[in-house]
PDB file of N, CA and C in Angstrom:
ATOM      1  N   UNK A   1      30.184  -9.855  -8.685  1.00  0.00           N
ATOM      2  CA  UNK A   1      29.456  -8.648  -8.612  1.00  0.00           C
ATOM      3  C   UNK A   1      29.263  -8.071  -9.913  1.00  0.00           C
ATOM      4  N   UNK A   2      28.222  -7.211  -9.982  1.00  0.00           N
ATOM      5  CA  UNK A   2      27.850  -6.613 -11.311  1.00  0.00           C
ATOM      6  C   UNK A   2      28.078  -5.031 -11.157  1.00  0.00           C
ATOM      7  N   UNK A   3      29.152  -4.626 -10.665  1.00  0.00           N
ATOM      8  CA  UNK A   3      29.323  -3.199 -10.445  1.00  0.00           C
ATOM      9  C   UNK A   3      29.366  -2.358 -11.695  1.00  0.00           C
ATOM     10  N   UNK A   4      29.833  -3.081 -12.837  1.00  0.00           N
ATOM     11  CA  UNK A   4      29.965  -2.299 -14.058  1.00  0.00           C
ATOM     12  C   UNK A   4      28.627  -1.944 -14.667  1.00  0.00           C
ATOM     13  N   UNK A   5      27.582  -2.506 -14.115  1.00  0.00           N
ATOM     14  CA  UNK A   5      26.180  -2.070 -14.672  1.00  0.00           C
ATOM     15  C   UNK A   5      25.917  -0.479 -14.402  1.00  0.00           C
ATOM     16  N   UNK A   6      25.575   0.285 -15.483  1.00  0.00           N
ATOM     17  CA  UNK A   6      25.454   1.751 -15.148  1.00  0.00           C
ATOM     18  C   UNK A   6      24.327   1.916 -14.140  1.00  0.00           C
ATOM     19  N   UNK A   7      24.616   2.979 -13.437  1.00  0.00           N
ATOM     20  CA  UNK A   7      23.722   3.454 -12.500  1.00  0.00           C
ATOM     21  C   UNK A   7      22.388   4.018 -12.989  1.00  0.00           C
ATOM     22  N   UNK A   8      22.505   4.444 -14.318  1.00  0.00           N
ATOM     23  CA  UNK A   8      21.442   5.039 -14.928  1.00  0.00           C
ATOM     24  C   UNK A   8      20.352   3.952 -15.328  1.00  0.00           C
ATOM     25  N   UNK A   9      20.981   2.770 -15.724  1.00  0.00           N
ATOM     26  CA  UNK A   9      19.928   1.610 -15.941  1.00  0.00           C
ATOM     27  C   UNK A   9      19.217   1.099 -14.745  1.00  0.00           C
ATOM     28  N   UNK A  10      20.014   1.217 -13.679  1.00  0.00           N
ATOM     29  CA  UNK A  10      19.520   0.889 -12.347  1.00  0.00           C
ATOM     30  C   UNK A  10      18.227   1.883 -11.927  1.00  0.00           C
ATOM     31  N   UNK A  11      18.600   3.249 -12.132  1.00  0.00           N
ATOM     32  CA  UNK A  11      17.628   4.234 -11.935  1.00  0.00           C
ATOM     33  C   UNK A  11      16.355   3.867 -12.819  1.00  0.00           C
ATOM     34  N   UNK A  12      16.573   3.713 -14.059  1.00  0.00           N
ATOM     35  CA  UNK A  12      15.307   3.439 -14.881  1.00  0.00           C
ATOM     36  C   UNK A  12      14.650   2.018 -14.362  1.00  0.00           C
ATOM     37  N   UNK A  13      15.270   1.087 -14.105  1.00  0.00           N
ATOM     38  CA  UNK A  13      14.716  -0.151 -13.757  1.00  0.00           C
ATOM     39  C   UNK A  13      13.873   0.131 -12.316  1.00  0.00           C
ATOM     40  N   UNK A  14      14.429   0.855 -11.524  1.00  0.00           N
ATOM     41  CA  UNK A  14      13.724   1.234 -10.215  1.00  0.00           C
ATOM     42  C   UNK A  14      12.491   1.966 -10.496  1.00  0.00           C
ATOM     43  N   UNK A  15      12.648   3.067 -11.183  1.00  0.00           N
ATOM     44  CA  UNK A  15      11.465   4.057 -11.587  1.00  0.00           C
ATOM     45  C   UNK A  15      10.398   3.169 -12.265  1.00  0.00           C
ATOM     46  N   UNK A  16      10.731   2.307 -13.003  1.00  0.00           N
ATOM     47  CA  UNK A  16       9.761   1.590 -13.818  1.00  0.00           C
ATOM     48  C   UNK A  16       8.836   0.655 -12.920  1.00  0.00           C
ATOM     49  N   UNK A  17       9.667  -0.108 -11.966  1.00  0.00           N
ATOM     50  CA  UNK A  17       9.032  -1.077 -11.194  1.00  0.00           C
ATOM     51  C   UNK A  17       8.330  -0.541  -9.950  1.00  0.00           C
ATOM     52  N   UNK A  18       8.803   0.749  -9.537  1.00  0.00           N
ATOM     53  CA  UNK A  18       8.056   1.433  -8.426  1.00  0.00           C
ATOM     54  C   UNK A  18       6.746   1.909  -9.038  1.00  0.00           C
ATOM     55  N   UNK A  19       6.779   2.442 -10.190  1.00  0.00           N
ATOM     56  CA  UNK A  19       5.442   2.836 -10.831  1.00  0.00           C
ATOM     57  C   UNK A  19       4.581   1.800 -10.997  1.00  0.00           C
ATOM     58  N   UNK A  20       5.086   0.621 -11.233  1.00  0.00           N
ATOM     59  CA  UNK A  20       4.262  -0.625 -11.459  1.00  0.00           C
ATOM     60  C   UNK A  20       3.611  -1.060 -10.011  1.00  0.00           C
ATOM     61  N   UNK A  21       4.136  -0.560  -8.898  1.00  0.00           N
ATOM     62  CA  UNK A  21       3.737  -0.806  -7.573  1.00  0.00           C
ATOM     63  C   UNK A  21       4.537  -1.829  -6.690  1.00  0.00           C
ATOM     64  N   UNK A  22       5.646  -2.240  -7.066  1.00  0.00           N
ATOM     65  CA  UNK A  22       6.554  -3.070  -6.347  1.00  0.00           C
ATOM     66  C   UNK A  22       7.010  -2.364  -5.207  1.00  0.00           C
ATOM     67  N   UNK A  23       6.931  -2.884  -3.893  1.00  0.00           N
ATOM     68  CA  UNK A  23       7.628  -2.336  -2.778  1.00  0.00           C
ATOM     69  C   UNK A  23       9.114  -2.095  -3.012  1.00  0.00           C
ATOM     70  N   UNK A  24       9.643  -1.043  -2.412  1.00  0.00           N
ATOM     71  CA  UNK A  24      10.954  -0.826  -2.448  1.00  0.00           C
ATOM     72  C   UNK A  24      11.906  -1.824  -1.873  1.00  0.00           C
ATOM     73  N   UNK A  25      11.478  -2.330  -0.717  1.00  0.00           N
ATOM     74  CA  UNK A  25      12.259  -3.421  -0.009  1.00  0.00           C
ATOM     75  C   UNK A  25      12.491  -4.520  -0.934  1.00  0.00           C
ATOM     76  N   UNK A  26      11.240  -4.981  -1.663  1.00  0.00           N
ATOM     77  CA  UNK A  26      11.435  -6.099  -2.510  1.00  0.00           C
ATOM     78  C   UNK A  26      12.428  -5.945  -3.615  1.00  0.00           C
ATOM     79  N   UNK A  27      12.278  -4.660  -4.205  1.00  0.00           N
ATOM     80  CA  UNK A  27      13.345  -4.404  -5.277  1.00  0.00           C
ATOM     81  C   UNK A  27      14.783  -4.357  -4.814  1.00  0.00           C
ATOM     82  N   UNK A  28      14.881  -3.832  -3.544  1.00  0.00           N
ATOM     83  CA  UNK A  28      16.199  -3.787  -2.932  1.00  0.00           C
ATOM     84  C   UNK A  28      16.816  -5.143  -2.859  1.00  0.00           C
ATOM     85  N   UNK A  29      15.913  -6.044  -2.219  1.00  0.00           N
ATOM     86  CA  UNK A  29      16.393  -7.396  -1.997  1.00  0.00           C
ATOM     87  C   UNK A  29      16.823  -8.131  -3.385  1.00  0.00           C
ATOM     88  N   UNK A  30      16.011  -7.985  -4.319  1.00  0.00           N
ATOM     89  CA  UNK A  30      16.243  -8.564  -5.640  1.00  0.00           C
ATOM     90  C   UNK A  30      17.522  -7.982  -6.250  1.00  0.00           C
ATOM     91  N   UNK A  31      17.714  -6.789  -6.141  1.00  0.00           N
ATOM     92  CA  UNK A  31      18.897  -6.267  -6.693  1.00  0.00           C
ATOM     93  C   UNK A  31      20.169  -6.713  -5.992  1.00  0.00           C
ATOM     94  N   UNK A  32      20.176  -6.796  -4.579  1.00  0.00           N
ATOM     95  CA  UNK A  32      21.264  -7.301  -3.876  1.00  0.00           C
ATOM     96  C   UNK A  32      21.502  -8.910  -4.165  1.00  0.00           C
ATOM     97  N   UNK A  33      20.475  -9.625  -4.394  1.00  0.00           N
ATOM     98  CA  UNK A  33      20.632 -11.041  -4.740  1.00  0.00           C
ATOM     99  C   UNK A  33      21.147 -11.169  -6.095  1.00  0.00           C
ATOM    100  N   UNK A  34      20.891 -10.153  -7.005  1.00  0.00           N
ATOM    101  CA  UNK A  34      21.488 -10.213  -8.483  1.00  0.00           C
ATOM    102  C   UNK A  34      23.018  -9.941  -8.425  1.00  0.00           C
ATOM    103  N   UNK A  35      23.417  -9.477  -7.297  1.00  0.00           N
ATOM    104  CA  UNK A  35      25.024  -9.172  -7.245  1.00  0.00           C
ATOM    105  C   UNK A  35      25.364  -7.849  -7.050  1.00  0.00           C
ATOM    106  N   UNK A  36      24.307  -6.914  -6.970  1.00  0.00           N
ATOM    107  CA  UNK A  36      24.601  -5.418  -6.841  1.00  0.00           C
ATOM    108  C   UNK A  36      25.074  -5.112  -5.272  1.00  0.00           C
ATOM    109  N   UNK A  37      26.001  -4.256  -5.227  1.00  0.00           N
ATOM    110  CA  UNK A  37      26.374  -3.940  -3.674  1.00  0.00           C
ATOM    111  C   UNK A  37      25.224  -3.240  -3.009  1.00  0.00           C
ATOM    112  N   UNK A  38      24.908  -3.472  -1.843  1.00  0.00           N
ATOM    113  CA  UNK A  38      23.933  -2.864  -1.044  1.00  0.00           C
ATOM    114  C   UNK A  38      24.089  -1.236  -1.041  1.00  0.00           C
ATOM    115  N   UNK A  39      25.403  -0.761  -0.980  1.00  0.00           N
ATOM    116  CA  UNK A  39      25.601   0.567  -0.917  1.00  0.00           C
ATOM    117  C   UNK A  39      25.077   1.286  -2.287  1.00  0.00           C
ATOM    118  N   UNK A  40      25.418   0.556  -3.337  1.00  0.00           N
ATOM    119  CA  UNK A  40      25.120   1.107  -4.785  1.00  0.00           C
ATOM    120  C   UNK A  40      23.591   1.057  -4.733  1.00  0.00           C
ATOM    121  N   UNK A  41      23.034   0.072  -4.500  1.00  0.00           N
ATOM    122  CA  UNK A  41      21.402  -0.062  -4.526  1.00  0.00           C
ATOM    123  C   UNK A  41      20.788   0.966  -3.478  1.00  0.00           C
ATOM    124  N   UNK A  42      21.297   1.099  -2.281  1.00  0.00           N
ATOM    125  CA  UNK A  42      20.732   2.317  -1.575  1.00  0.00           C
ATOM    126  C   UNK A  42      20.891   3.643  -2.099  1.00  0.00           C
ATOM    127  N   UNK A  43      22.073   3.903  -2.623  1.00  0.00           N
ATOM    128  CA  UNK A  43      22.308   5.079  -3.228  1.00  0.00           C
ATOM    129  C   UNK A  43      21.440   5.448  -4.421  1.00  0.00           C
ATOM    130  N   UNK A  44      21.138   4.430  -5.253  1.00  0.00           N
ATOM    131  CA  UNK A  44      20.221   4.575  -6.443  1.00  0.00           C
ATOM    132  C   UNK A  44      18.840   4.801  -5.848  1.00  0.00           C
ATOM    133  N   UNK A  45      18.475   4.003  -4.923  1.00  0.00           N
ATOM    134  CA  UNK A  45      17.141   4.086  -4.400  1.00  0.00           C
ATOM    135  C   UNK A  45      16.853   5.511  -3.795  1.00  0.00           C
ATOM    136  N   UNK A  46      17.650   6.041  -3.104  1.00  0.00           N
ATOM    137  CA  UNK A  46      17.699   7.490  -2.486  1.00  0.00           C
ATOM    138  C   UNK A  46      17.582   8.402  -3.650  1.00  0.00           C
ATOM    139  N   UNK A  47      18.261   8.249  -4.901  1.00  0.00           N
ATOM    140  CA  UNK A  47      18.154   9.190  -5.923  1.00  0.00           C
ATOM    141  C   UNK A  47      16.847   9.150  -6.603  1.00  0.00           C
ATOM    142  N   UNK A  48      16.346   7.846  -6.778  1.00  0.00           N
ATOM    143  CA  UNK A  48      15.183   7.665  -7.408  1.00  0.00           C
ATOM    144  C   UNK A  48      13.813   8.144  -6.571  1.00  0.00           C
ATOM    145  N   UNK A  49      13.997   7.956  -5.442  1.00  0.00           N
ATOM    146  CA  UNK A  49      12.984   8.532  -4.358  1.00  0.00           C
ATOM    147  C   UNK A  49      12.872  10.095  -4.426  1.00  0.00           C
ATOM    148  N   UNK A  50      14.161  10.638  -4.525  1.00  0.00           N
ATOM    149  CA  UNK A  50      14.203  12.195  -4.585  1.00  0.00           C
ATOM    150  C   UNK A  50      13.631  12.647  -6.005  1.00  0.00           C
ATOM    151  N   UNK A  51      13.915  11.830  -7.140  1.00  0.00           N
ATOM    152  CA  UNK A  51      13.398  12.263  -8.383  1.00  0.00           C
ATOM    153  C   UNK A  51      11.927  12.117  -8.435  1.00  0.00           C
ATOM    154  N   UNK A  52      11.377  11.041  -7.700  1.00  0.00           N
ATOM    155  CA  UNK A  52       9.873  10.774  -7.775  1.00  0.00           C
ATOM    156  C   UNK A  52       9.340  11.992  -6.992  1.00  0.00           C
ATOM    157  N   UNK A  53       9.885  12.404  -5.883  1.00  0.00           N
ATOM    158  CA  UNK A  53       9.331  13.383  -4.980  1.00  0.00           C
ATOM    159  C   UNK A  53       9.401  14.805  -5.775  1.00  0.00           C
ATOM    160  N   UNK A  54      10.174  15.185  -6.588  1.00  0.00           N
ATOM    161  CA  UNK A  54      10.281  16.234  -7.418  1.00  0.00           C
ATOM    162  C   UNK A  54       9.174  16.268  -8.434  1.00  0.00           C
ATOM    163  N   UNK A  55       8.900  14.982  -8.890  1.00  0.00           N
ATOM    164  CA  UNK A  55       7.868  15.022 -10.128  1.00  0.00           C
ATOM    165  C   UNK A  55       6.384  15.057  -9.518  1.00  0.00           C
ATOM    166  N   UNK A  56       6.234  14.748  -8.149  1.00  0.00           N
ATOM    167  CA  UNK A  56       5.087  14.857  -7.625  1.00  0.00           C
ATOM    168  C   UNK A  56       4.453  16.265  -7.765  1.00  0.00           C
ATOM    169  N   UNK A  57       3.157  16.300  -7.962  1.00  0.00           N
ATOM    170  CA  UNK A  57       2.442  17.600  -8.104  1.00  0.00           C
ATOM    171  C   UNK A  57       2.420  18.260  -6.701  1.00  0.00           C
ATOM    172  N   UNK A  58       2.395  19.634  -6.668  1.00  0.00           N
ATOM    173  CA  UNK A  58       2.453  20.396  -5.514  1.00  0.00           C
ATOM    174  C   UNK A  58       1.035  20.939  -5.284  1.00  0.00           C
ATOM    175  N   UNK A  59       0.580  20.512  -4.002  1.00  0.00           N
ATOM    176  CA  UNK A  59      -0.833  20.833  -3.715  1.00  0.00           C
ATOM    177  C   UNK A  59      -0.794  22.321  -3.346  1.00  0.00           C
ATOM    178  N   UNK A  60      -1.509  23.246  -3.895  1.00  0.00           N
ATOM    179  CA  UNK A  60      -1.609  24.569  -3.645  1.00  0.00           C
ATOM    180  C   UNK A  60      -2.527  25.065  -2.655  1.00  0.00           C
ATOM    181  N   UNK A  61      -3.543  24.294  -2.586  1.00  0.00           N
ATOM    182  CA  UNK A  61      -4.646  24.726  -1.482  1.00  0.00           C
ATOM    183  C   UNK A  61      -4.734  23.426  -0.549  1.00  0.00           C
ATOM    184  N   UNK A  62      -5.190  23.567   0.575  1.00  0.00           N
ATOM    185  CA  UNK A  62      -5.417  22.582   1.579  1.00  0.00           C
ATOM    186  C   UNK A  62      -6.829  22.029   1.083  1.00  0.00           C
ATOM    187  N   UNK A  63      -6.963  20.658   1.075  1.00  0.00           N
ATOM    188  CA  UNK A  63      -8.138  19.956   0.702  1.00  0.00           C
ATOM    189  C   UNK A  63      -9.281  20.193   1.989  1.00  0.00           C
ATOM    190  N   UNK A  64     -10.567  20.423   1.566  1.00  0.00           N
ATOM    191  CA  UNK A  64     -11.530  20.610   2.545  1.00  0.00           C
ATOM    192  C   UNK A  64     -12.021  19.229   3.048  1.00  0.00           C
ATOM    193  N   UNK A  65     -11.972  19.015   4.243  1.00  0.00           N
ATOM    194  CA  UNK A  65     -12.409  17.714   4.710  1.00  0.00           C
ATOM    195  C   UNK A  65     -13.959  17.867   5.233  1.00  0.00           C
ATOM    196  N   UNK A  66     -14.855  16.878   4.692  1.00  0.00           N
ATOM    197  CA  UNK A  66     -16.147  17.002   4.967  1.00  0.00           C
ATOM    198  C   UNK A  66     -16.617  15.670   5.737  1.00  0.00           C
ATOM    199  N   UNK A  67     -17.360  15.936   6.626  1.00  0.00           N
ATOM    200  CA  UNK A  67     -17.751  14.818   7.444  1.00  0.00           C
ATOM    201  C   UNK A  67     -19.340  14.929   7.796  1.00  0.00           C
ATOM    202  N   UNK A  68     -19.862  13.757   7.954  1.00  0.00           N
ATOM    203  CA  UNK A  68     -21.319  13.738   8.512  1.00  0.00           C
ATOM    204  C   UNK A  68     -21.382  12.640   9.383  1.00  0.00           C
ATOM    205  N   UNK A  69     -22.422  12.795  10.447  1.00  0.00           N
ATOM    206  CA  UNK A  69     -22.482  11.830  11.459  1.00  0.00           C
ATOM    207  C   UNK A  69     -23.567  10.812  10.734  1.00  0.00           C
ATOM    208  N   UNK A  70     -23.368   9.550  10.852  1.00  0.00           N
ATOM    209  CA  UNK A  70     -24.097   8.767  10.340  1.00  0.00           C
ATOM    210  C   UNK A  70     -24.564   7.547  11.596  1.00  0.00           C
ATOM    211  N   UNK A  71     -25.771   7.787  11.822  1.00  0.00           N
ATOM    212  CA  UNK A  71     -26.404   6.937  12.753  1.00  0.00           C
ATOM    213  C   UNK A  71     -27.112   5.677  12.261  1.00  0.00           C
ATOM    214  N   UNK A  72     -26.923   4.539  12.972  1.00  0.00           N
ATOM    215  CA  UNK A  72     -27.523   3.529  12.468  1.00  0.00           C
ATOM    216  C   UNK A  72     -28.809   3.193  13.408  1.00  0.00           C
ATOM    217  N   UNK A  73     -29.913   2.750  12.795  1.00  0.00           N
ATOM    218  CA  UNK A  73     -31.013   2.340  13.463  1.00  0.00           C
ATOM    219  C   UNK A  73     -30.883   0.776  13.842  1.00  0.00           C
ATOM    220  N   UNK A  74     -30.867   0.442  14.947  1.00  0.00           N
ATOM    221  CA  UNK A  74     -30.730  -1.056  15.402  1.00  0.00           C
ATOM    222  C   UNK A  74     -32.024  -1.650  15.349  1.00  0.00           C
ATOM    223  N   UNK A  75     -32.297  -2.623  14.688  1.00  0.00           N
ATOM    224  CA  UNK A  75     -33.639  -3.244  14.295  1.00  0.00           C
ATOM    225  C   UNK A  75     -33.873  -4.112  15.774  1.00  0.00           C
ATOM    226  N   UNK A  76     -35.194  -4.292  16.093  1.00  0.00           N
ATOM    227  CA  UNK A  76     -35.547  -5.127  17.073  1.00  0.00           C
ATOM    228  C   UNK A  76     -35.177  -6.523  16.992  1.00  0.00           C
ATOM    229  N   UNK A  77     -34.671  -7.220  17.958  1.00  0.00           N
ATOM    230  CA  UNK A  77     -34.277  -8.514  17.743  1.00  0.00           C
ATOM    231  C   UNK A  77     -35.513  -9.339  17.599  1.00  0.00           C
ATOM    232  N   UNK A  78     -35.408 -10.310  16.727  1.00  0.00           N
ATOM    233  CA  UNK A  78     -36.625 -11.241  16.622  1.00  0.00           C
ATOM    234  C   UNK A  78     -36.452 -12.369  17.587  1.00  0.00           C
ATOM    235  N   UNK A  79     -37.456 -12.603  18.324  1.00  0.00           N
ATOM    236  CA  UNK A  79     -37.510 -13.755  19.289  1.00  0.00           C
ATOM    237  C   UNK A  79     -37.947 -14.902  18.775  1.00  0.00           C
ATOM    238  N   UNK A  80     -37.114 -15.935  18.675  1.00  0.00           N
ATOM    239  CA  UNK A  80     -37.749 -17.132  18.080  1.00  0.00           C
ATOM    240  C   UNK A  80     -38.044 -18.090  19.147  1.00  0.00           C
ATOM    241  N   UNK A  81     -39.192 -18.987  18.782  1.00  0.00           N
ATOM    242  CA  UNK A  81     -39.560 -19.916  19.624  1.00  0.00           C
ATOM    243  C   UNK A  81     -38.658 -21.118  19.663  1.00  0.00           C
ATOM    244  N   UNK A  82     -38.439 -21.658  20.839  1.00  0.00           N
ATOM    245  CA  UNK A  82     -37.752 -22.832  20.871  1.00  0.00           C
ATOM    246  C   UNK A  82     -38.483 -24.129  20.312  1.00  0.00           C
ATOM    247  N   UNK A  83     -37.998 -25.241  20.151  1.00  0.00           N
ATOM    248  CA  UNK A  83     -38.651 -26.433  19.534  1.00  0.00           C
ATOM    249  C   UNK A  83     -39.798 -26.762  20.523  1.00  0.00           C
ATOM    250  N   UNK A  84     -39.633 -26.843  21.702  1.00  0.00           N
ATOM    251  CA  UNK A  84     -40.719 -27.172  22.774  1.00  0.00           C
ATOM    252  C   UNK A  84     -41.817 -25.975  22.636  1.00  0.00           C
ATOM    253  N   UNK A  85     -41.428 -24.854  22.552  1.00  0.00           N
ATOM    254  CA  UNK A  85     -42.595 -23.808  22.520  1.00  0.00           C
ATOM    255  C   UNK A  85     -43.382 -23.887  21.243  1.00  0.00           C
ATOM    256  N   UNK A  86     -42.729 -24.467  20.107  1.00  0.00           N
ATOM    257  CA  UNK A  86     -43.514 -24.670  19.074  1.00  0.00           C
ATOM    258  C   UNK A  86     -44.374 -25.831  19.004  1.00  0.00           C
ATOM    259  N   UNK A  87     -44.033 -26.817  19.687  1.00  0.00           N
ATOM    260  CA  UNK A  87     -44.854 -28.026  19.903  1.00  0.00           C
ATOM    261  C   UNK A  87     -46.009 -27.768  20.885  1.00  0.00           C
ATOM    262  N   UNK A  88     -45.619 -27.256  21.962  1.00  0.00           N
ATOM    263  CA  UNK A  88     -46.596 -27.034  23.078  1.00  0.00           C
ATOM    264  C   UNK A  88     -47.466 -25.606  22.941  1.00  0.00           C
ATOM    265  N   UNK A  89     -46.936 -24.825  21.987  1.00  0.00           N
ATOM    266  CA  UNK A  89     -47.760 -23.625  21.901  1.00  0.00           C
ATOM    267  C   UNK A  89     -47.505 -22.394  22.896  1.00  0.00           C
ATOM    268  N   UNK A  90     -46.571 -22.479  23.630  1.00  0.00           N
ATOM    269  CA  UNK A  90     -46.314 -21.547  24.648  1.00  0.00           C
ATOM    270  C   UNK A  90     -45.535 -20.419  24.075  1.00  0.00           C
ATOM    271  N   UNK A  91     -45.758 -19.121  24.679  1.00  0.00           N
ATOM    272  CA  UNK A  91     -44.963 -18.048  24.205  1.00  0.00           C
ATOM    273  C   UNK A  91     -43.739 -18.058  24.718  1.00  0.00           C
TER     274      UNK A  91
END
């Protein structure tokens, strides 16, 4: 077990890798496989997620949602002649 590893180092490791785009579950599994206890990893993940939530900007106004109706014109289907119609010239 690697319990002597400081939680501050784990916190920085998780922050860095979350910002890189790694999923939390992948990081959790990697740390548990490296010998960290599941409880310690879960506690540090919870702390990191709270820190990230506090760093996120606060939206002061609601965003305006704009929409428009888009209609597509369906082109007329092209009727192709069969092989026999091409040979005998029938429509």
